[in-house]
Amino acid sequence: MLVQVLPKLPMREKDLTKAYYLGSLGFTEIADYGNYLILSKDEIEIHFFEHRELKPNENYGQVYIRVKGIDAFYQQLLNDHIAIHPNGRLEVKPWHQKEFALLDPDNNLLTFGESV
């Protein structure tokens, strides 16, 4: 029986990852194992593994995060001056999801979506 999925994304520098997720997105730290980091917010958890040689412009790390109250969350990010992906502004998609996207410091794509 499958019960949960926990994405694992690459990070070049742990301090940059922490600054973005903790400082900008409001995540909390669950564990720091040196080259492996676990962060959470609300009901989700994301794991990060060290990849110092990562070239952000070649990174295809992605995660889709379901949201309740996407309009308020999006507005909060705008109010906090968090950069929205240039091609990922909030909109309703043909697959009946209202979505927007961010890129973290390592170019991992974070897509947030809510059913409409």
PDB file of N, CA and C in Angstrom:
ATOM      1  N   MET A   1       0.839  -1.172   0.000  1.00  0.00           N
ATOM      2  CA  MET A   1       0.000   0.000   0.000  1.00  0.00           C
ATOM      3  C   MET A   1       0.885   1.236   0.000  1.00  0.00           C
ATOM      4  N   LEU A   2       0.714   2.105  -0.984  1.00  0.00           N
ATOM      5  CA  LEU A   2       1.469   3.349  -1.064  1.00  0.00           C
ATOM      6  C   LEU A   2       0.764   4.400  -0.210  1.00  0.00           C
ATOM      7  N   VAL A   3       1.518   5.156   0.581  1.00  0.00           N
ATOM      8  CA  VAL A   3       0.880   6.118   1.486  1.00  0.00           C
ATOM      9  C   VAL A   3       1.385   7.548   1.341  1.00  0.00           C
ATOM     10  N   GLN A   4       2.562   7.740   0.769  1.00  0.00           N
ATOM     11  CA  GLN A   4       3.101   9.085   0.707  1.00  0.00           C
ATOM     12  C   GLN A   4       4.249   9.125  -0.285  1.00  0.00           C
ATOM     13  N   VAL A   5       4.453  10.271  -0.917  1.00  0.00           N
ATOM     14  CA  VAL A   5       5.621  10.450  -1.774  1.00  0.00           C
ATOM     15  C   VAL A   5       6.392  11.659  -1.246  1.00  0.00           C
ATOM     16  N   LEU A   6       7.703  11.526  -1.163  1.00  0.00           N
ATOM     17  CA  LEU A   6       8.564  12.590  -0.668  1.00  0.00           C
ATOM     18  C   LEU A   6       9.600  12.900  -1.739  1.00  0.00           C
ATOM     19  N   PRO A   7       9.430  14.001  -2.446  1.00  0.00           N
ATOM     20  CA  PRO A   7      10.386  14.315  -3.515  1.00  0.00           C
ATOM     21  C   PRO A   7      11.782  14.587  -2.975  1.00  0.00           C
ATOM     22  N   LYS A   8      12.775  14.229  -3.786  1.00  0.00           N
ATOM     23  CA  LYS A   8      14.173  14.492  -3.476  1.00  0.00           C
ATOM     24  C   LYS A   8      14.714  15.366  -4.592  1.00  0.00           C
ATOM     25  N   LEU A   9      15.196  16.544  -4.227  1.00  0.00           N
ATOM     26  CA  LEU A   9      15.704  17.506  -5.193  1.00  0.00           C
ATOM     27  C   LEU A   9      17.181  17.789  -4.938  1.00  0.00           C
ATOM     28  N   PRO A  10      17.941  18.096  -5.999  1.00  0.00           N
ATOM     29  CA  PRO A  10      19.352  18.410  -5.816  1.00  0.00           C
ATOM     30  C   PRO A  10      19.565  19.822  -5.276  1.00  0.00           C
ATOM     31  N   MET A  11      20.641  19.990  -4.518  1.00  0.00           N
ATOM     32  CA  MET A  11      21.044  21.318  -4.029  1.00  0.00           C
ATOM     33  C   MET A  11      22.554  21.428  -4.151  1.00  0.00           C
ATOM     34  N   ARG A  12      23.011  22.594  -4.594  1.00  0.00           N
ATOM     35  CA  ARG A  12      24.450  22.841  -4.679  1.00  0.00           C
ATOM     36  C   ARG A  12      24.999  23.246  -3.329  1.00  0.00           C
ATOM     37  N   GLU A  13      24.338  24.214  -2.692  1.00  0.00           N
ATOM     38  CA  GLU A  13      24.799  24.739  -1.411  1.00  0.00           C
ATOM     39  C   GLU A  13      23.644  24.739  -0.425  1.00  0.00           C
ATOM     40  N   LYS A  14      23.833  24.022   0.650  1.00  0.00           N
ATOM     41  CA  LYS A  14      22.779  23.877   1.651  1.00  0.00           C
ATOM     42  C   LYS A  14      22.329  25.231   2.201  1.00  0.00           C
ATOM     43  N   ASP A  15      23.257  26.149   2.431  1.00  0.00           N
ATOM     44  CA  ASP A  15      22.883  27.449   2.991  1.00  0.00           C
ATOM     45  C   ASP A  15      21.957  28.224   2.059  1.00  0.00           C
ATOM     46  N   LEU A  16      22.186  28.141   0.753  1.00  0.00           N
ATOM     47  CA  LEU A  16      21.293  28.790  -0.215  1.00  0.00           C
ATOM     48  C   LEU A  16      19.914  28.153  -0.199  1.00  0.00           C
ATOM     49  N   THR A  17      19.889  26.834  -0.138  1.00  0.00           N
ATOM     50  CA  THR A  17      18.616  26.113  -0.103  1.00  0.00           C
ATOM     51  C   THR A  17      17.833  26.478   1.152  1.00  0.00           C
ATOM     52  N   LYS A  18      18.525  26.467   2.296  1.00  0.00           N
ATOM     53  CA  LYS A  18      17.850  26.844   3.543  1.00  0.00           C
ATOM     54  C   LYS A  18      17.340  28.276   3.497  1.00  0.00           C
ATOM     55  N   ALA A  19      18.151  29.187   3.006  1.00  0.00           N
ATOM     56  CA  ALA A  19      17.739  30.595   2.959  1.00  0.00           C
ATOM     57  C   ALA A  19      16.470  30.759   2.135  1.00  0.00           C
ATOM     58  N   TYR A  20      16.396  30.074   1.013  1.00  0.00           N
ATOM     59  CA  TYR A  20      15.223  30.204   0.146  1.00  0.00           C
ATOM     60  C   TYR A  20      13.986  29.557   0.761  1.00  0.00           C
ATOM     61  N   TYR A  21      14.108  28.305   1.141  1.00  0.00           N
ATOM     62  CA  TYR A  21      12.938  27.574   1.622  1.00  0.00           C
ATOM     63  C   TYR A  21      12.502  28.020   3.023  1.00  0.00           C
ATOM     64  N   LEU A  22      13.447  28.230   3.918  1.00  0.00           N
ATOM     65  CA  LEU A  22      13.096  28.658   5.275  1.00  0.00           C
ATOM     66  C   LEU A  22      12.752  30.140   5.300  1.00  0.00           C
ATOM     67  N   GLY A  23      13.615  30.959   4.716  1.00  0.00           N
ATOM     68  CA  GLY A  23      13.439  32.400   4.782  1.00  0.00           C
ATOM     69  C   GLY A  23      12.390  32.960   3.849  1.00  0.00           C
ATOM     70  N   SER A  24      12.318  32.432   2.628  1.00  0.00           N
ATOM     71  CA  SER A  24      11.402  32.994   1.634  1.00  0.00           C
ATOM     72  C   SER A  24      10.052  32.280   1.564  1.00  0.00           C
ATOM     73  N   LEU A  25      10.064  30.960   1.694  1.00  0.00           N
ATOM     74  CA  LEU A  25       8.825  30.199   1.522  1.00  0.00           C
ATOM     75  C   LEU A  25       8.193  29.730   2.829  1.00  0.00           C
ATOM     76  N   GLY A  26       8.857  29.941   3.951  1.00  0.00           N
ATOM     77  CA  GLY A  26       8.261  29.601   5.237  1.00  0.00           C
ATOM     78  C   GLY A  26       8.304  28.134   5.622  1.00  0.00           C
ATOM     79  N   PHE A  27       9.225  27.380   5.050  1.00  0.00           N
ATOM     80  CA  PHE A  27       9.402  25.978   5.444  1.00  0.00           C
ATOM     81  C   PHE A  27      10.111  25.924   6.792  1.00  0.00           C
ATOM     82  N   THR A  28      10.079  24.768   7.419  1.00  0.00           N
ATOM     83  CA  THR A  28      10.835  24.522   8.642  1.00  0.00           C
ATOM     84  C   THR A  28      11.781  23.345   8.405  1.00  0.00           C
ATOM     85  N   GLU A  29      12.850  23.345   9.161  1.00  0.00           N
ATOM     86  CA  GLU A  29      13.840  22.278   9.034  1.00  0.00           C
ATOM     87  C   GLU A  29      13.450  21.102   9.911  1.00  0.00           C
ATOM     88  N   ILE A  30      13.417  19.926   9.312  1.00  0.00           N
ATOM     89  CA  ILE A  30      13.168  18.691  10.066  1.00  0.00           C
ATOM     90  C   ILE A  30      14.488  18.052  10.452  1.00  0.00           C
ATOM     91  N   ALA A  31      15.430  17.987   9.485  1.00  0.00           N
ATOM     92  CA  ALA A  31      16.718  17.340   9.757  1.00  0.00           C
ATOM     93  C   ALA A  31      17.779  17.856   8.799  1.00  0.00           C
ATOM     94  N   ASP A  32      19.006  17.912   9.303  1.00  0.00           N
ATOM     95  CA  ASP A  32      20.168  18.308   8.506  1.00  0.00           C
ATOM     96  C   ASP A  32      21.252  17.272   8.759  1.00  0.00           C
ATOM     97  N   TYR A  33      21.526  16.462   7.736  1.00  0.00           N
ATOM     98  CA  TYR A  33      22.524  15.402   7.842  1.00  0.00           C
ATOM     99  C   TYR A  33      23.787  15.742   7.064  1.00  0.00           C
ATOM    100  N   GLY A  34      24.108  17.023   6.992  1.00  0.00           N
ATOM    101  CA  GLY A  34      25.306  17.434   6.278  1.00  0.00           C
ATOM    102  C   GLY A  34      25.051  17.579   4.796  1.00  0.00           C
ATOM    103  N   ASN A  35      25.051  16.473   4.077  1.00  0.00           N
ATOM    104  CA  ASN A  35      24.807  16.537   2.637  1.00  0.00           C
ATOM    105  C   ASN A  35      23.385  16.113   2.268  1.00  0.00           C
ATOM    106  N   TYR A  36      22.519  16.028   3.275  1.00  0.00           N
ATOM    107  CA  TYR A  36      21.113  15.656   3.048  1.00  0.00           C
ATOM    108  C   TYR A  36      20.267  16.488   3.994  1.00  0.00           C
ATOM    109  N   LEU A  37      19.241  17.120   3.445  1.00  0.00           N
ATOM    110  CA  LEU A  37      18.427  18.073   4.188  1.00  0.00           C
ATOM    111  C   LEU A  37      16.954  17.720   4.018  1.00  0.00           C
ATOM    112  N   ILE A  38      16.188  17.812   5.106  1.00  0.00           N
ATOM    113  CA  ILE A  38      14.751  17.550   5.047  1.00  0.00           C
ATOM    114  C   ILE A  38      14.016  18.770   5.581  1.00  0.00           C
ATOM    115  N   LEU A  39      13.113  19.313   4.749  1.00  0.00           N
ATOM    116  CA  LEU A  39      12.339  20.498   5.102  1.00  0.00           C
ATOM    117  C   LEU A  39      10.850  20.201   4.953  1.00  0.00           C
ATOM    118  N   SER A  40      10.027  20.951   5.690  1.00  0.00           N
ATOM    119  CA  SER A  40       8.584  20.740   5.589  1.00  0.00           C
ATOM    120  C   SER A  40       7.834  22.064   5.698  1.00  0.00           C
ATOM    121  N   LYS A  41       6.600  22.030   5.205  1.00  0.00           N
ATOM    122  CA  LYS A  41       5.671  23.142   5.359  1.00  0.00           C
ATOM    123  C   LYS A  41       4.279  22.543   5.293  1.00  0.00           C
ATOM    124  N   ASP A  42       3.465  22.896   6.281  1.00  0.00           N
ATOM    125  CA  ASP A  42       2.108  22.369   6.359  1.00  0.00           C
ATOM    126  C   ASP A  42       2.147  20.844   6.285  1.00  0.00           C
ATOM    127  N   GLU A  43       1.575  20.254   5.243  1.00  0.00           N
ATOM    128  CA  GLU A  43       1.501  18.798   5.165  1.00  0.00           C
ATOM    129  C   GLU A  43       2.484  18.178   4.183  1.00  0.00           C
ATOM    130  N   ILE A  44       3.447  18.974   3.692  1.00  0.00           N
ATOM    131  CA  ILE A  44       4.396  18.401   2.728  1.00  0.00           C
ATOM    132  C   ILE A  44       5.812  18.380   3.297  1.00  0.00           C
ATOM    133  N   GLU A  45       6.612  17.541   2.703  1.00  0.00           N
ATOM    134  CA  GLU A  45       8.007  17.383   3.088  1.00  0.00           C
ATOM    135  C   GLU A  45       8.824  17.231   1.811  1.00  0.00           C
ATOM    136  N   ILE A  46       9.927  17.958   1.731  1.00  0.00           N
ATOM    137  CA  ILE A  46      10.832  17.845   0.587  1.00  0.00           C
ATOM    138  C   ILE A  46      12.222  17.508   1.110  1.00  0.00           C
ATOM    139  N   HIS A  47      12.861  16.553   0.459  1.00  0.00           N
ATOM    140  CA  HIS A  47      14.223  16.154   0.798  1.00  0.00           C
ATOM    141  C   HIS A  47      15.167  16.738  -0.250  1.00  0.00           C
ATOM    142  N   PHE A  48      16.363  17.107   0.180  1.00  0.00           N
ATOM    143  CA  PHE A  48      17.375  17.662  -0.706  1.00  0.00           C
ATOM    144  C   PHE A  48      18.672  16.896  -0.517  1.00  0.00           C
ATOM    145  N   PHE A  49      19.324  16.567  -1.617  1.00  0.00           N
ATOM    146  CA  PHE A  49      20.622  15.896  -1.558  1.00  0.00           C
ATOM    147  C   PHE A  49      21.671  16.803  -2.173  1.00  0.00           C
ATOM    148  N   GLU A  50      22.864  16.768  -1.600  1.00  0.00           N
ATOM    149  CA  GLU A  50      23.949  17.610  -2.093  1.00  0.00           C
ATOM    150  C   GLU A  50      24.412  17.156  -3.475  1.00  0.00           C
ATOM    151  N   HIS A  51      24.535  18.135  -4.368  1.00  0.00           N
ATOM    152  CA  HIS A  51      25.034  17.888  -5.719  1.00  0.00           C
ATOM    153  C   HIS A  51      25.827  19.130  -6.129  1.00  0.00           C
ATOM    154  N   ARG A  52      27.036  19.232  -5.610  1.00  0.00           N
ATOM    155  CA  ARG A  52      27.864  20.435  -5.794  1.00  0.00           C
ATOM    156  C   ARG A  52      28.173  20.730  -7.259  1.00  0.00           C
ATOM    157  N   GLU A  53      28.220  19.711  -8.098  1.00  0.00           N
ATOM    158  CA  GLU A  53      28.548  19.904  -9.507  1.00  0.00           C
ATOM    159  C   GLU A  53      27.325  20.266 -10.347  1.00  0.00           C
ATOM    160  N   LEU A  54      26.178  20.386  -9.738  1.00  0.00           N
ATOM    161  CA  LEU A  54      24.943  20.696 -10.458  1.00  0.00           C
ATOM    162  C   LEU A  54      25.083  22.007 -11.224  1.00  0.00           C
ATOM    163  N   LYS A  55      24.698  21.988 -12.460  1.00  0.00           N
ATOM    164  CA  LYS A  55      24.636  23.201 -13.273  1.00  0.00           C
ATOM    165  C   LYS A  55      23.164  23.588 -13.340  1.00  0.00           C
ATOM    166  N   PRO A  56      22.777  24.664 -12.637  1.00  0.00           N
ATOM    167  CA  PRO A  56      21.351  25.011 -12.567  1.00  0.00           C
ATOM    168  C   PRO A  56      20.648  25.087 -13.917  1.00  0.00           C
ATOM    169  N   ASN A  57      21.333  25.585 -14.954  1.00  0.00           N
ATOM    170  CA  ASN A  57      20.674  25.691 -16.255  1.00  0.00           C
ATOM    171  C   ASN A  57      20.484  24.337 -16.928  1.00  0.00           C
ATOM    172  N   GLU A  58      21.032  23.271 -16.334  1.00  0.00           N
ATOM    173  CA  GLU A  58      20.839  21.914 -16.845  1.00  0.00           C
ATOM    174  C   GLU A  58      20.008  21.061 -15.894  1.00  0.00           C
ATOM    175  N   ASN A  59      19.479  21.669 -14.846  1.00  0.00           N
ATOM    176  CA  ASN A  59      18.711  20.934 -13.840  1.00  0.00           C
ATOM    177  C   ASN A  59      17.250  20.822 -14.259  1.00  0.00           C
ATOM    178  N   TYR A  60      16.723  19.607 -14.205  1.00  0.00           N
ATOM    179  CA  TYR A  60      15.321  19.377 -14.526  1.00  0.00           C
ATOM    180  C   TYR A  60      14.533  18.876 -13.320  1.00  0.00           C
ATOM    181  N   GLY A  61      15.054  19.151 -12.097  1.00  0.00           N
ATOM    182  CA  GLY A  61      14.339  18.769 -10.890  1.00  0.00           C
ATOM    183  C   GLY A  61      12.997  19.495 -10.826  1.00  0.00           C
ATOM    184  N   GLN A  62      11.940  18.748 -10.539  1.00  0.00           N
ATOM    185  CA  GLN A  62      10.602  19.325 -10.490  1.00  0.00           C
ATOM    186  C   GLN A  62       9.771  18.632  -9.422  1.00  0.00           C
ATOM    187  N   VAL A  63       8.848  19.400  -8.860  1.00  0.00           N
ATOM    188  CA  VAL A  63       7.878  18.827  -7.935  1.00  0.00           C
ATOM    189  C   VAL A  63       6.565  19.591  -8.108  1.00  0.00           C
ATOM    190  N   TYR A  64       5.453  18.856  -8.056  1.00  0.00           N
ATOM    191  CA  TYR A  64       4.118  19.454  -8.149  1.00  0.00           C
ATOM    192  C   TYR A  64       3.502  19.381  -6.760  1.00  0.00           C
ATOM    193  N   ILE A  65       3.083  20.531  -6.242  1.00  0.00           N
ATOM    194  CA  ILE A  65       2.558  20.608  -4.878  1.00  0.00           C
ATOM    195  C   ILE A  65       1.107  21.064  -4.929  1.00  0.00           C
ATOM    196  N   ARG A  66       0.205  20.244  -4.422  1.00  0.00           N
ATOM    197  CA  ARG A  66      -1.210  20.620  -4.357  1.00  0.00           C
ATOM    198  C   ARG A  66      -1.405  21.589  -3.197  1.00  0.00           C
ATOM    199  N   VAL A  67      -2.263  22.587  -3.436  1.00  0.00           N
ATOM    200  CA  VAL A  67      -2.472  23.677  -2.492  1.00  0.00           C
ATOM    201  C   VAL A  67      -3.957  23.866  -2.238  1.00  0.00           C
ATOM    202  N   LYS A  68      -4.297  24.253  -1.027  1.00  0.00           N
ATOM    203  CA  LYS A  68      -5.644  24.736  -0.701  1.00  0.00           C
ATOM    204  C   LYS A  68      -5.495  26.234  -0.466  1.00  0.00           C
ATOM    205  N   GLY A  69      -6.281  27.040  -1.165  1.00  0.00           N
ATOM    206  CA  GLY A  69      -6.173  28.485  -1.021  1.00  0.00           C
ATOM    207  C   GLY A  69      -5.047  29.062  -1.854  1.00  0.00           C
ATOM    208  N   ILE A  70      -4.962  28.655  -3.104  1.00  0.00           N
ATOM    209  CA  ILE A  70      -3.842  29.059  -3.960  1.00  0.00           C
ATOM    210  C   ILE A  70      -3.796  30.564  -4.206  1.00  0.00           C
ATOM    211  N   ASP A  71      -4.962  31.214  -4.307  1.00  0.00           N
ATOM    212  CA  ASP A  71      -4.966  32.662  -4.555  1.00  0.00           C
ATOM    213  C   ASP A  71      -4.276  33.416  -3.417  1.00  0.00           C
ATOM    214  N   ALA A  72      -4.604  33.055  -2.183  1.00  0.00           N
ATOM    215  CA  ALA A  72      -4.010  33.720  -1.021  1.00  0.00           C
ATOM    216  C   ALA A  72      -2.517  33.412  -0.921  1.00  0.00           C
ATOM    217  N   PHE A  73      -2.142  32.166  -1.197  1.00  0.00           N
ATOM    218  CA  PHE A  73      -0.731  31.784  -1.157  1.00  0.00           C
ATOM    219  C   PHE A  73       0.064  32.552  -2.216  1.00  0.00           C
ATOM    220  N   TYR A  74      -0.467  32.611  -3.420  1.00  0.00           N
ATOM    221  CA  TYR A  74       0.180  33.347  -4.509  1.00  0.00           C
ATOM    222  C   TYR A  74       0.345  34.823  -4.134  1.00  0.00           C
ATOM    223  N   GLN A  75      -0.711  35.415  -3.602  1.00  0.00           N
ATOM    224  CA  GLN A  75      -0.644  36.830  -3.229  1.00  0.00           C
ATOM    225  C   GLN A  75       0.377  37.061  -2.124  1.00  0.00           C
ATOM    226  N   GLN A  76       0.450  36.130  -1.174  1.00  0.00           N
ATOM    227  CA  GLN A  76       1.443  36.245  -0.096  1.00  0.00           C
ATOM    228  C   GLN A  76       2.854  36.251  -0.673  1.00  0.00           C
ATOM    229  N   LEU A  77       3.120  35.373  -1.640  1.00  0.00           N
ATOM    230  CA  LEU A  77       4.444  35.337  -2.266  1.00  0.00           C
ATOM    231  C   LEU A  77       4.734  36.642  -3.007  1.00  0.00           C
ATOM    232  N   LEU A  78       3.742  37.159  -3.713  1.00  0.00           N
ATOM    233  CA  LEU A  78       3.929  38.440  -4.394  1.00  0.00           C
ATOM    234  C   LEU A  78       4.218  39.551  -3.386  1.00  0.00           C
ATOM    235  N   ASN A  79       3.449  39.578  -2.292  1.00  0.00           N
ATOM    236  CA  ASN A  79       3.664  40.588  -1.246  1.00  0.00           C
ATOM    237  C   ASN A  79       5.062  40.495  -0.646  1.00  0.00           C
ATOM    238  N   ASP A  80       5.590  39.260  -0.565  1.00  0.00           N
ATOM    239  CA  ASP A  80       6.927  39.039  -0.011  1.00  0.00           C
ATOM    240  C   ASP A  80       8.024  39.177  -1.070  1.00  0.00           C
ATOM    241  N   HIS A  81       7.644  39.576  -2.275  1.00  0.00           N
ATOM    242  CA  HIS A  81       8.582  39.800  -3.383  1.00  0.00           C
ATOM    243  C   HIS A  81       9.344  38.533  -3.778  1.00  0.00           C
ATOM    244  N   ILE A  82       8.657  37.399  -3.728  1.00  0.00           N
ATOM    245  CA  ILE A  82       9.233  36.134  -4.179  1.00  0.00           C
ATOM    246  C   ILE A  82       9.043  36.057  -5.692  1.00  0.00           C
ATOM    247  N   ALA A  83      10.129  35.785  -6.408  1.00  0.00           N
ATOM    248  CA  ALA A  83      10.068  35.744  -7.875  1.00  0.00           C
ATOM    249  C   ALA A  83       9.228  34.572  -8.358  1.00  0.00           C
ATOM    250  N   ILE A  84       8.256  34.884  -9.198  1.00  0.00           N
ATOM    251  CA  ILE A  84       7.434  33.874  -9.856  1.00  0.00           C
ATOM    252  C   ILE A  84       8.118  33.526 -11.175  1.00  0.00           C
ATOM    253  N   HIS A  85       8.065  32.260 -11.555  1.00  0.00           N
ATOM    254  CA  HIS A  85       8.655  31.838 -12.829  1.00  0.00           C
ATOM    255  C   HIS A  85       8.060  32.697 -13.947  1.00  0.00           C
ATOM    256  N   PRO A  86       8.886  33.215 -14.856  1.00  0.00           N
ATOM    257  CA  PRO A  86       8.361  34.097 -15.910  1.00  0.00           C
ATOM    258  C   PRO A  86       7.264  33.464 -16.761  1.00  0.00           C
ATOM    259  N   ASN A  87       7.287  32.150 -16.908  1.00  0.00           N
ATOM    260  CA  ASN A  87       6.245  31.453 -17.668  1.00  0.00           C
ATOM    261  C   ASN A  87       5.277  30.727 -16.745  1.00  0.00           C
ATOM    262  N   GLY A  88       5.284  31.074 -15.467  1.00  0.00           N
ATOM    263  CA  GLY A  88       4.486  30.334 -14.499  1.00  0.00           C
ATOM    264  C   GLY A  88       3.575  31.194 -13.659  1.00  0.00           C
ATOM    265  N   ARG A  89       3.037  32.247 -14.211  1.00  0.00           N
ATOM    266  CA  ARG A  89       2.102  33.091 -13.455  1.00  0.00           C
ATOM    267  C   ARG A  89       0.814  32.332 -13.187  1.00  0.00           C
ATOM    268  N   LEU A  90       0.102  32.743 -12.172  1.00  0.00           N
ATOM    269  CA  LEU A  90      -1.129  32.070 -11.761  1.00  0.00           C
ATOM    270  C   LEU A  90      -2.160  32.099 -12.887  1.00  0.00           C
ATOM    271  N   GLU A  91      -2.625  30.915 -13.276  1.00  0.00           N
ATOM    272  CA  GLU A  91      -3.666  30.804 -14.291  1.00  0.00           C
ATOM    273  C   GLU A  91      -4.322  29.432 -14.218  1.00  0.00           C
ATOM    274  N   VAL A  92      -5.506  29.354 -14.793  1.00  0.00           N
ATOM    275  CA  VAL A  92      -6.223  28.080 -14.871  1.00  0.00           C
ATOM    276  C   VAL A  92      -5.750  27.356 -16.125  1.00  0.00           C
ATOM    277  N   LYS A  93      -5.340  26.117 -15.942  1.00  0.00           N
ATOM    278  CA  LYS A  93      -4.819  25.297 -17.035  1.00  0.00           C
ATOM    279  C   LYS A  93      -5.939  24.447 -17.637  1.00  0.00           C
ATOM    280  N   PRO A  94      -5.751  23.926 -18.850  1.00  0.00           N
ATOM    281  CA  PRO A  94      -6.771  23.088 -19.481  1.00  0.00           C
ATOM    282  C   PRO A  94      -7.095  21.826 -18.687  1.00  0.00           C
ATOM    283  N   TRP A  95      -6.191  21.407 -17.797  1.00  0.00           N
ATOM    284  CA  TRP A  95      -6.412  20.195 -16.990  1.00  0.00           C
ATOM    285  C   TRP A  95      -7.112  20.529 -15.678  1.00  0.00           C
ATOM    286  N   HIS A  96      -7.775  21.698 -15.629  1.00  0.00           N
ATOM    287  CA  HIS A  96      -8.634  22.107 -14.509  1.00  0.00           C
ATOM    288  C   HIS A  96      -7.881  22.300 -13.202  1.00  0.00           C
ATOM    289  N   GLN A  97      -6.682  22.826 -13.329  1.00  0.00           N
ATOM    290  CA  GLN A  97      -5.886  23.195 -12.168  1.00  0.00           C
ATOM    291  C   GLN A  97      -5.539  24.673 -12.283  1.00  0.00           C
ATOM    292  N   LYS A  98      -5.665  25.405 -11.187  1.00  0.00           N
ATOM    293  CA  LYS A  98      -5.147  26.765 -11.124  1.00  0.00           C
ATOM    294  C   LYS A  98      -3.730  26.613 -10.608  1.00  0.00           C
ATOM    295  N   GLU A  99      -2.748  27.112 -11.388  1.00  0.00           N
ATOM    296  CA  GLU A  99      -1.350  26.838 -11.089  1.00  0.00           C
ATOM    297  C   GLU A  99      -0.475  28.078 -11.216  1.00  0.00           C
ATOM    298  N   PHE A 100       0.674  27.996 -10.534  1.00  0.00           N
ATOM    299  CA  PHE A 100       1.783  28.913 -10.751  1.00  0.00           C
ATOM    300  C   PHE A 100       3.061  28.170 -10.404  1.00  0.00           C
ATOM    301  N   ALA A 101       4.204  28.754 -10.772  1.00  0.00           N
ATOM    302  CA  ALA A 101       5.469  28.052 -10.567  1.00  0.00           C
ATOM    303  C   ALA A 101       6.570  29.005 -10.107  1.00  0.00           C
ATOM    304  N   LEU A 102       7.517  28.434  -9.373  1.00  0.00           N
ATOM    305  CA  LEU A 102       8.714  29.127  -8.893  1.00  0.00           C
ATOM    306  C   LEU A 102       9.935  28.310  -9.286  1.00  0.00           C
ATOM    307  N   LEU A 103      11.071  28.970  -9.344  1.00  0.00           N
ATOM    308  CA  LEU A 103      12.358  28.281  -9.481  1.00  0.00           C
ATOM    309  C   LEU A 103      13.166  28.566  -8.230  1.00  0.00           C
ATOM    310  N   ASP A 104      13.690  27.518  -7.601  1.00  0.00           N
ATOM    311  CA  ASP A 104      14.534  27.726  -6.423  1.00  0.00           C
ATOM    312  C   ASP A 104      15.953  28.079  -6.878  1.00  0.00           C
ATOM    313  N   PRO A 105      16.877  28.344  -5.958  1.00  0.00           N
ATOM    314  CA  PRO A 105      18.234  28.759  -6.348  1.00  0.00           C
ATOM    315  C   PRO A 105      18.980  27.757  -7.228  1.00  0.00           C
ATOM    316  N   ASP A 106      18.562  26.498  -7.220  1.00  0.00           N
ATOM    317  CA  ASP A 106      19.211  25.476  -8.036  1.00  0.00           C
ATOM    318  C   ASP A 106      18.431  25.158  -9.298  1.00  0.00           C
ATOM    319  N   ASN A 107      17.415  25.959  -9.583  1.00  0.00           N
ATOM    320  CA  ASN A 107      16.577  25.812 -10.771  1.00  0.00           C
ATOM    321  C   ASN A 107      15.621  24.624 -10.675  1.00  0.00           C
ATOM    322  N   ASN A 108      15.357  24.135  -9.470  1.00  0.00           N
ATOM    323  CA  ASN A 108      14.306  23.149  -9.295  1.00  0.00           C
ATOM    324  C   ASN A 108      12.972  23.864  -9.498  1.00  0.00           C
ATOM    325  N   LEU A 109      12.115  23.289 -10.327  1.00  0.00           N
ATOM    326  CA  LEU A 109      10.821  23.879 -10.624  1.00  0.00           C
ATOM    327  C   LEU A 109       9.804  23.431  -9.581  1.00  0.00           C
ATOM    328  N   LEU A 110       9.200  24.391  -8.893  1.00  0.00           N
ATOM    329  CA  LEU A 110       8.156  24.116  -7.909  1.00  0.00           C
ATOM    330  C   LEU A 110       6.847  24.607  -8.516  1.00  0.00           C
ATOM    331  N   THR A 111       5.957  23.696  -8.861  1.00  0.00           N
ATOM    332  CA  THR A 111       4.655  24.056  -9.403  1.00  0.00           C
ATOM    333  C   THR A 111       3.613  23.823  -8.327  1.00  0.00           C
ATOM    334  N   PHE A 112       2.803  24.840  -8.080  1.00  0.00           N
ATOM    335  CA  PHE A 112       1.747  24.770  -7.083  1.00  0.00           C
ATOM    336  C   PHE A 112       0.414  24.767  -7.815  1.00  0.00           C
ATOM    337  N   GLY A 113      -0.489  23.869  -7.433  1.00  0.00           N
ATOM    338  CA  GLY A 113      -1.755  23.780  -8.117  1.00  0.00           C
ATOM    339  C   GLY A 113      -2.920  23.446  -7.209  1.00  0.00           C
ATOM    340  N   GLU A 114      -4.088  23.961  -7.586  1.00  0.00           N
ATOM    341  CA  GLU A 114      -5.330  23.680  -6.874  1.00  0.00           C
ATOM    342  C   GLU A 114      -6.412  23.371  -7.902  1.00  0.00           C
ATOM    343  N   SER A 115      -7.210  22.350  -7.633  1.00  0.00           N
ATOM    344  CA  SER A 115      -8.294  21.985  -8.537  1.00  0.00           C
ATOM    345  C   SER A 115      -9.354  23.081  -8.580  1.00  0.00           C
ATOM    346  N   VAL A 116      -9.892  23.298  -9.786  1.00  0.00           N
ATOM    347  CA  VAL A 116     -10.975  24.276  -9.941  1.00  0.00           C
ATOM    348  C   VAL A 116     -12.200  23.603 -10.528  1.00  0.00           C
TER     349      VAL A 116
END
